[in-house]
Amino acid sequence: KTLETDRLILRRFCSSDAEAMFRNWASDPLVTTYLTWPAHKDASLTASIMESWIKKYEDPAYYNWAIEWKEAGEVIGDISVVALHEEVEAADIGYCLGRAWWGQGIMPEALRAVARKTIERKTGARGLRSIMEEILTPLMYEVPSDYTVEQVTITPETVEKGEPPLLTYNPDRKPVKIKITTSRKRGRKDTA
């Protein structure tokens, strides 16, 4: 099924997407650093992989969306369900986005669309784990250093519209001092 957001269309790949995939992300070693495959050296490899993905659409449990940037009318990345754990109502989401589109909030927008689809399928809260991680990751660097933050609330607007989570502050909270000690044990001396 095709999903749509304000700036994106998440849809099935088609053969004509291979050139844009190669140009926009598959050939970029920085983009592919943490993927299970290395950067493509030529477009024929991209086209071959694209064809294998297209054949998999016959399986109704195969979820791999091309992320099309509406403004340009071409694919700029992909988002897929890497593993579906129906017994515990969870899904692992994988994604890749061309470097030119990094830092523009595109992946959270795509993730929210997939989250809505997950809710429609009734896959449950566990299926939203990656969505929550996407929302909370920036906070894990901010909140621990601000001892006045008492609560973080994720609202429907946070998930659906990309609004920031609500932070509840308590100016009366005092910092907690923790003393960290290390063991001074040295390497064992063997005696013979």
C-alpha atoms as a PDB file:
ATOM      1  CA  LYS A   1       0.000   0.000   0.000  1.00  0.00           C
ATOM      2  CA  THR A   2       1.169   3.506  -0.795  1.00  0.00           C
ATOM      3  CA  LEU A   3       1.561   5.892   2.149  1.00  0.00           C
ATOM      4  CA  GLU A   4       1.670   9.668   1.812  1.00  0.00           C
ATOM      5  CA  THR A   5       2.830  12.551   3.987  1.00  0.00           C
ATOM      6  CA  ASP A   6       3.119  16.274   3.329  1.00  0.00           C
ATOM      7  CA  ARG A   7       6.463  15.910   1.521  1.00  0.00           C
ATOM      8  CA  LEU A   8       6.789  12.194   0.804  1.00  0.00           C
ATOM      9  CA  ILE A   9       5.201   9.305  -1.019  1.00  0.00           C
ATOM     10  CA  LEU A  10       6.099   5.878   0.361  1.00  0.00           C
ATOM     11  CA  ARG A  11       5.419   3.364  -2.395  1.00  0.00           C
ATOM     12  CA  ARG A  12       6.643   0.198  -4.018  1.00  0.00           C
ATOM     13  CA  PHE A  13       9.864   0.398  -5.974  1.00  0.00           C
ATOM     14  CA  CYS A  14       9.696   0.116  -9.759  1.00  0.00           C
ATOM     15  CA  SER A  15      12.485  -0.652 -12.230  1.00  0.00           C
ATOM     16  CA  SER A  16      12.799   2.982 -13.265  1.00  0.00           C
ATOM     17  CA  ASP A  17      13.888   3.885  -9.695  1.00  0.00           C
ATOM     18  CA  ALA A  18      17.247   2.109 -10.039  1.00  0.00           C
ATOM     19  CA  GLU A  19      19.110   5.097 -11.491  1.00  0.00           C
ATOM     20  CA  ALA A  20      17.925   7.483  -8.749  1.00  0.00           C
ATOM     21  CA  MET A  21      18.685   4.876  -6.063  1.00  0.00           C
ATOM     22  CA  PHE A  22      22.236   4.473  -7.373  1.00  0.00           C
ATOM     23  CA  ARG A  23      22.789   8.231  -7.670  1.00  0.00           C
ATOM     24  CA  ASN A  24      21.066   9.312  -4.437  1.00  0.00           C
ATOM     25  CA  TRP A  25      22.280   6.721  -1.928  1.00  0.00           C
ATOM     26  CA  ALA A  26      23.392   3.261  -3.056  1.00  0.00           C
ATOM     27  CA  SER A  27      26.750   4.480  -4.434  1.00  0.00           C
ATOM     28  CA  ASP A  28      27.584   6.636  -1.395  1.00  0.00           C
ATOM     29  CA  PRO A  29      29.959   4.863   1.030  1.00  0.00           C
ATOM     30  CA  LEU A  30      29.000   7.229   3.852  1.00  0.00           C
ATOM     31  CA  VAL A  31      25.306   6.396   3.484  1.00  0.00           C
ATOM     32  CA  THR A  32      25.967   2.640   3.315  1.00  0.00           C
ATOM     33  CA  THR A  33      28.397   2.559   6.249  1.00  0.00           C
ATOM     34  CA  TYR A  34      25.948   0.845   8.615  1.00  0.00           C
ATOM     35  CA  LEU A  35      23.966  -1.144   6.059  1.00  0.00           C
ATOM     36  CA  THR A  36      24.323  -4.867   5.435  1.00  0.00           C
ATOM     37  CA  TRP A  37      25.710  -4.158   1.958  1.00  0.00           C
ATOM     38  CA  PRO A  38      28.577  -1.970   0.707  1.00  0.00           C
ATOM     39  CA  ALA A  39      28.273   0.995  -1.646  1.00  0.00           C
ATOM     40  CA  HIS A  40      27.473  -0.056  -5.199  1.00  0.00           C
ATOM     41  CA  LYS A  41      30.303   0.400  -7.701  1.00  0.00           C
ATOM     42  CA  ASP A  42      28.012   0.552 -10.737  1.00  0.00           C
ATOM     43  CA  ALA A  43      24.338   1.044 -11.535  1.00  0.00           C
ATOM     44  CA  SER A  44      23.880  -2.490 -12.889  1.00  0.00           C
ATOM     45  CA  LEU A  45      24.207  -3.905  -9.363  1.00  0.00           C
ATOM     46  CA  THR A  46      21.584  -1.442  -8.133  1.00  0.00           C
ATOM     47  CA  ALA A  47      19.247  -2.441 -10.971  1.00  0.00           C
ATOM     48  CA  SER A  48      19.712  -6.131 -10.151  1.00  0.00           C
ATOM     49  CA  ILE A  49      18.916  -5.607  -6.462  1.00  0.00           C
ATOM     50  CA  MET A  50      15.937  -3.454  -7.401  1.00  0.00           C
ATOM     51  CA  GLU A  51      14.522  -6.290  -9.521  1.00  0.00           C
ATOM     52  CA  SER A  52      14.905  -8.754  -6.631  1.00  0.00           C
ATOM     53  CA  TRP A  53      13.009  -6.363  -4.344  1.00  0.00           C
ATOM     54  CA  ILE A  54      10.229  -5.926  -6.891  1.00  0.00           C
ATOM     55  CA  LYS A  55       9.766  -9.720  -7.139  1.00  0.00           C
ATOM     56  CA  LYS A  56       9.354  -9.909  -3.349  1.00  0.00           C
ATOM     57  CA  TYR A  57       6.238  -7.706  -3.498  1.00  0.00           C
ATOM     58  CA  GLU A  58       4.302 -10.889  -4.368  1.00  0.00           C
ATOM     59  CA  ASP A  59       4.639 -11.800  -0.669  1.00  0.00           C
ATOM     60  CA  PRO A  60       1.962  -9.859   1.300  1.00  0.00           C
ATOM     61  CA  ALA A  61       4.249  -9.835   4.372  1.00  0.00           C
ATOM     62  CA  TYR A  62       7.010  -7.976   2.469  1.00  0.00           C
ATOM     63  CA  TYR A  63       7.158  -4.290   3.383  1.00  0.00           C
ATOM     64  CA  ASN A  64       9.740  -2.195   1.562  1.00  0.00           C
ATOM     65  CA  TRP A  65       8.763   1.321   0.592  1.00  0.00           C
ATOM     66  CA  ALA A  66      10.624   3.635  -1.754  1.00  0.00           C
ATOM     67  CA  ILE A  67      10.741   7.110  -0.214  1.00  0.00           C
ATOM     68  CA  GLU A  68       9.848   9.512  -3.002  1.00  0.00           C
ATOM     69  CA  TRP A  69      10.491  13.222  -2.484  1.00  0.00           C
ATOM     70  CA  LYS A  70       7.365  14.855  -3.912  1.00  0.00           C
ATOM     71  CA  GLU A  71       9.190  18.038  -4.893  1.00  0.00           C
ATOM     72  CA  ALA A  72      11.695  16.184  -7.099  1.00  0.00           C
ATOM     73  CA  GLY A  73       9.489  13.260  -8.108  1.00  0.00           C
ATOM     74  CA  GLU A  74      12.253  10.723  -7.493  1.00  0.00           C
ATOM     75  CA  VAL A  75      13.277   8.252  -4.811  1.00  0.00           C
ATOM     76  CA  ILE A  76      15.687   9.492  -2.154  1.00  0.00           C
ATOM     77  CA  GLY A  77      15.745   6.496   0.186  1.00  0.00           C
ATOM     78  CA  ASP A  78      13.876   3.477   1.446  1.00  0.00           C
ATOM     79  CA  ILE A  79      12.202   2.245   4.605  1.00  0.00           C
ATOM     80  CA  SER A  80      11.280  -1.354   5.276  1.00  0.00           C
ATOM     81  CA  VAL A  81      10.147  -3.844   7.851  1.00  0.00           C
ATOM     82  CA  VAL A  82      13.341  -5.834   8.295  1.00  0.00           C
ATOM     83  CA  ALA A  83      11.823  -8.367  10.673  1.00  0.00           C
ATOM     84  CA  LEU A  84       8.219  -8.920  11.672  1.00  0.00           C
ATOM     85  CA  HIS A  85       7.699 -10.604  15.049  1.00  0.00           C
ATOM     86  CA  GLU A  86       3.967 -11.258  15.023  1.00  0.00           C
ATOM     87  CA  GLU A  87       4.105 -13.486  18.109  1.00  0.00           C
ATOM     88  CA  VAL A  88       5.027 -10.433  20.195  1.00  0.00           C
ATOM     89  CA  GLU A  89       3.439  -7.826  17.922  1.00  0.00           C
ATOM     90  CA  ALA A  90       6.719  -6.131  17.040  1.00  0.00           C
ATOM     91  CA  ALA A  91       8.579  -5.079  13.928  1.00  0.00           C
ATOM     92  CA  ASP A  92      12.154  -3.990  13.292  1.00  0.00           C
ATOM     93  CA  ILE A  93      12.383  -1.068  10.876  1.00  0.00           C
ATOM     94  CA  GLY A  94      15.366  -0.417   8.618  1.00  0.00           C
ATOM     95  CA  TYR A  95      15.898   2.689   6.570  1.00  0.00           C
ATOM     96  CA  CYS A  96      18.338   4.464   4.302  1.00  0.00           C
ATOM     97  CA  LEU A  97      18.298   8.056   3.092  1.00  0.00           C
ATOM     98  CA  GLY A  98      20.440   9.910   0.573  1.00  0.00           C
ATOM     99  CA  ARG A  99      22.918  12.264   2.245  1.00  0.00           C
ATOM    100  CA  ALA A 100      21.530  15.347   0.472  1.00  0.00           C
ATOM    101  CA  TRP A 101      18.310  14.931   2.467  1.00  0.00           C
ATOM    102  CA  TRP A 102      19.826  14.345   5.915  1.00  0.00           C
ATOM    103  CA  GLY A 103      18.869  16.741   8.706  1.00  0.00           C
ATOM    104  CA  GLN A 104      15.520  17.775   7.183  1.00  0.00           C
ATOM    105  CA  GLY A 105      13.221  15.621   9.314  1.00  0.00           C
ATOM    106  CA  ILE A 106      12.452  13.299   6.409  1.00  0.00           C
ATOM    107  CA  MET A 107      13.045   9.989   8.163  1.00  0.00           C
ATOM    108  CA  PRO A 108      10.912  10.842  11.220  1.00  0.00           C
ATOM    109  CA  GLU A 109       8.167  11.853   8.771  1.00  0.00           C
ATOM    110  CA  ALA A 110       8.457   8.508   6.964  1.00  0.00           C
ATOM    111  CA  LEU A 111       8.577   6.628  10.280  1.00  0.00           C
ATOM    112  CA  ARG A 112       5.376   8.313  11.441  1.00  0.00           C
ATOM    113  CA  ALA A 113       3.638   7.174   8.244  1.00  0.00           C
ATOM    114  CA  VAL A 114       4.807   3.612   8.865  1.00  0.00           C
ATOM    115  CA  ALA A 115       3.670   3.924  12.511  1.00  0.00           C
ATOM    116  CA  ARG A 116       0.186   4.895  11.364  1.00  0.00           C
ATOM    117  CA  LYS A 117       0.168   1.864   9.088  1.00  0.00           C
ATOM    118  CA  THR A 118       1.352  -0.300  11.988  1.00  0.00           C
ATOM    119  CA  ILE A 119      -1.522   0.979  14.133  1.00  0.00           C
ATOM    120  CA  GLU A 120      -3.995   0.290  11.309  1.00  0.00           C
ATOM    121  CA  ARG A 121      -2.690  -3.292  11.117  1.00  0.00           C
ATOM    122  CA  LYS A 122      -3.133  -3.532  14.904  1.00  0.00           C
ATOM    123  CA  THR A 123       0.424  -4.740  15.437  1.00  0.00           C
ATOM    124  CA  GLY A 124       0.472  -3.117  18.858  1.00  0.00           C
ATOM    125  CA  ALA A 125       2.733  -0.880  20.867  1.00  0.00           C
ATOM    126  CA  ARG A 126       5.777  -3.097  20.506  1.00  0.00           C
ATOM    127  CA  GLY A 127       5.683  -2.527  16.766  1.00  0.00           C
ATOM    128  CA  LEU A 128       6.242   1.148  17.480  1.00  0.00           C
ATOM    129  CA  ARG A 129       9.540   0.610  19.311  1.00  0.00           C
ATOM    130  CA  SER A 130      11.617   2.101  16.528  1.00  0.00           C
ATOM    131  CA  ILE A 131       9.282   5.099  16.297  1.00  0.00           C
ATOM    132  CA  MET A 132       9.738   5.789  19.993  1.00  0.00           C
ATOM    133  CA  GLU A 133      13.489   5.409  19.683  1.00  0.00           C
ATOM    134  CA  GLU A 134      13.483   7.976  16.878  1.00  0.00           C
ATOM    135  CA  ILE A 135      11.511  10.402  19.041  1.00  0.00           C
ATOM    136  CA  LEU A 136      13.500   9.845  22.228  1.00  0.00           C
ATOM    137  CA  THR A 137      17.060   9.604  20.862  1.00  0.00           C
ATOM    138  CA  PRO A 138      17.650  13.392  20.745  1.00  0.00           C
ATOM    139  CA  LEU A 139      16.326  13.697  24.307  1.00  0.00           C
ATOM    140  CA  MET A 140      18.752  11.148  25.689  1.00  0.00           C
ATOM    141  CA  TYR A 141      21.534  13.681  25.112  1.00  0.00           C
ATOM    142  CA  GLU A 142      19.645  16.643  26.593  1.00  0.00           C
ATOM    143  CA  VAL A 143      17.544  15.414  29.495  1.00  0.00           C
ATOM    144  CA  PRO A 144      20.216  13.711  31.644  1.00  0.00           C
ATOM    145  CA  SER A 145      22.174  16.960  31.944  1.00  0.00           C
ATOM    146  CA  ASP A 146      19.075  18.917  33.030  1.00  0.00           C
ATOM    147  CA  TYR A 147      18.191  17.671  36.505  1.00  0.00           C
ATOM    148  CA  THR A 148      15.050  19.857  36.566  1.00  0.00           C
ATOM    149  CA  VAL A 149      13.307  17.645  33.959  1.00  0.00           C
ATOM    150  CA  GLU A 150      10.869  15.534  35.901  1.00  0.00           C
ATOM    151  CA  GLN A 151       8.829  13.879  33.139  1.00  0.00           C
ATOM    152  CA  VAL A 152       8.841  13.365  29.363  1.00  0.00           C
ATOM    153  CA  THR A 153       5.404  12.895  27.777  1.00  0.00           C
ATOM    154  CA  ILE A 154       4.916  11.529  24.265  1.00  0.00           C
ATOM    155  CA  THR A 155       1.624  12.838  22.882  1.00  0.00           C
ATOM    156  CA  PRO A 156      -0.310  11.781  19.769  1.00  0.00           C
ATOM    157  CA  GLU A 157       0.900  15.026  18.181  1.00  0.00           C
ATOM    158  CA  THR A 158       4.498  13.958  18.871  1.00  0.00           C
ATOM    159  CA  VAL A 159       4.006  10.754  16.888  1.00  0.00           C
ATOM    160  CA  GLU A 160       1.631  11.976  14.195  1.00  0.00           C
ATOM    161  CA  LYS A 161       2.778  15.560  13.579  1.00  0.00           C
ATOM    162  CA  GLY A 162       6.398  15.538  14.705  1.00  0.00           C
ATOM    163  CA  GLU A 163       5.813  17.945  17.591  1.00  0.00           C
ATOM    164  CA  PRO A 164       8.399  17.680  20.368  1.00  0.00           C
ATOM    165  CA  PRO A 165       7.590  15.638  23.474  1.00  0.00           C
ATOM    166  CA  LEU A 166       6.278  17.601  26.449  1.00  0.00           C
ATOM    167  CA  LEU A 167       8.880  18.153  29.150  1.00  0.00           C
ATOM    168  CA  THR A 168       7.712  18.757  32.701  1.00  0.00           C
ATOM    169  CA  TYR A 169      10.190  20.728  34.773  1.00  0.00           C
ATOM    170  CA  ASN A 170      10.548  20.945  38.537  1.00  0.00           C
ATOM    171  CA  PRO A 171      12.847  23.852  39.464  1.00  0.00           C
ATOM    172  CA  ASP A 172      12.940  22.609  43.071  1.00  0.00           C
ATOM    173  CA  ARG A 173      14.726  19.406  42.125  1.00  0.00           C
ATOM    174  CA  LYS A 174      18.311  19.252  43.248  1.00  0.00           C
ATOM    175  CA  PRO A 175      21.108  17.524  41.400  1.00  0.00           C
ATOM    176  CA  VAL A 176      22.063  14.101  42.635  1.00  0.00           C
ATOM    177  CA  LYS A 177      25.744  13.680  43.367  1.00  0.00           C
ATOM    178  CA  ILE A 178      27.188  10.311  42.568  1.00  0.00           C
ATOM    179  CA  LYS A 179      30.632   9.281  43.663  1.00  0.00           C
ATOM    180  CA  ILE A 180      32.295   6.882  41.289  1.00  0.00           C
ATOM    181  CA  THR A 181      35.170   4.848  42.529  1.00  0.00           C
ATOM    182  CA  THR A 182      37.367   2.508  40.586  1.00  0.00           C
ATOM    183  CA  SER A 183      39.122  -0.562  41.748  1.00  0.00           C
ATOM    184  CA  ARG A 184      42.844  -0.079  42.168  1.00  0.00           C
ATOM    185  CA  LYS A 185      43.666  -3.730  41.711  1.00  0.00           C
ATOM    186  CA  ARG A 186      46.686  -4.298  39.592  1.00  0.00           C
ATOM    187  CA  GLY A 187      47.452  -7.267  37.418  1.00  0.00           C
ATOM    188  CA  ARG A 188      48.082 -10.501  39.280  1.00  0.00           C
ATOM    189  CA  LYS A 189      51.703 -11.353  39.912  1.00  0.00           C
ATOM    190  CA  ASP A 190      52.434 -14.956  39.277  1.00  0.00           C
ATOM    191  CA  THR A 191      55.095 -16.448  41.447  1.00  0.00           C
ATOM    192  CA  ALA A 192      56.888 -19.577  40.475  1.00  0.00           C
END
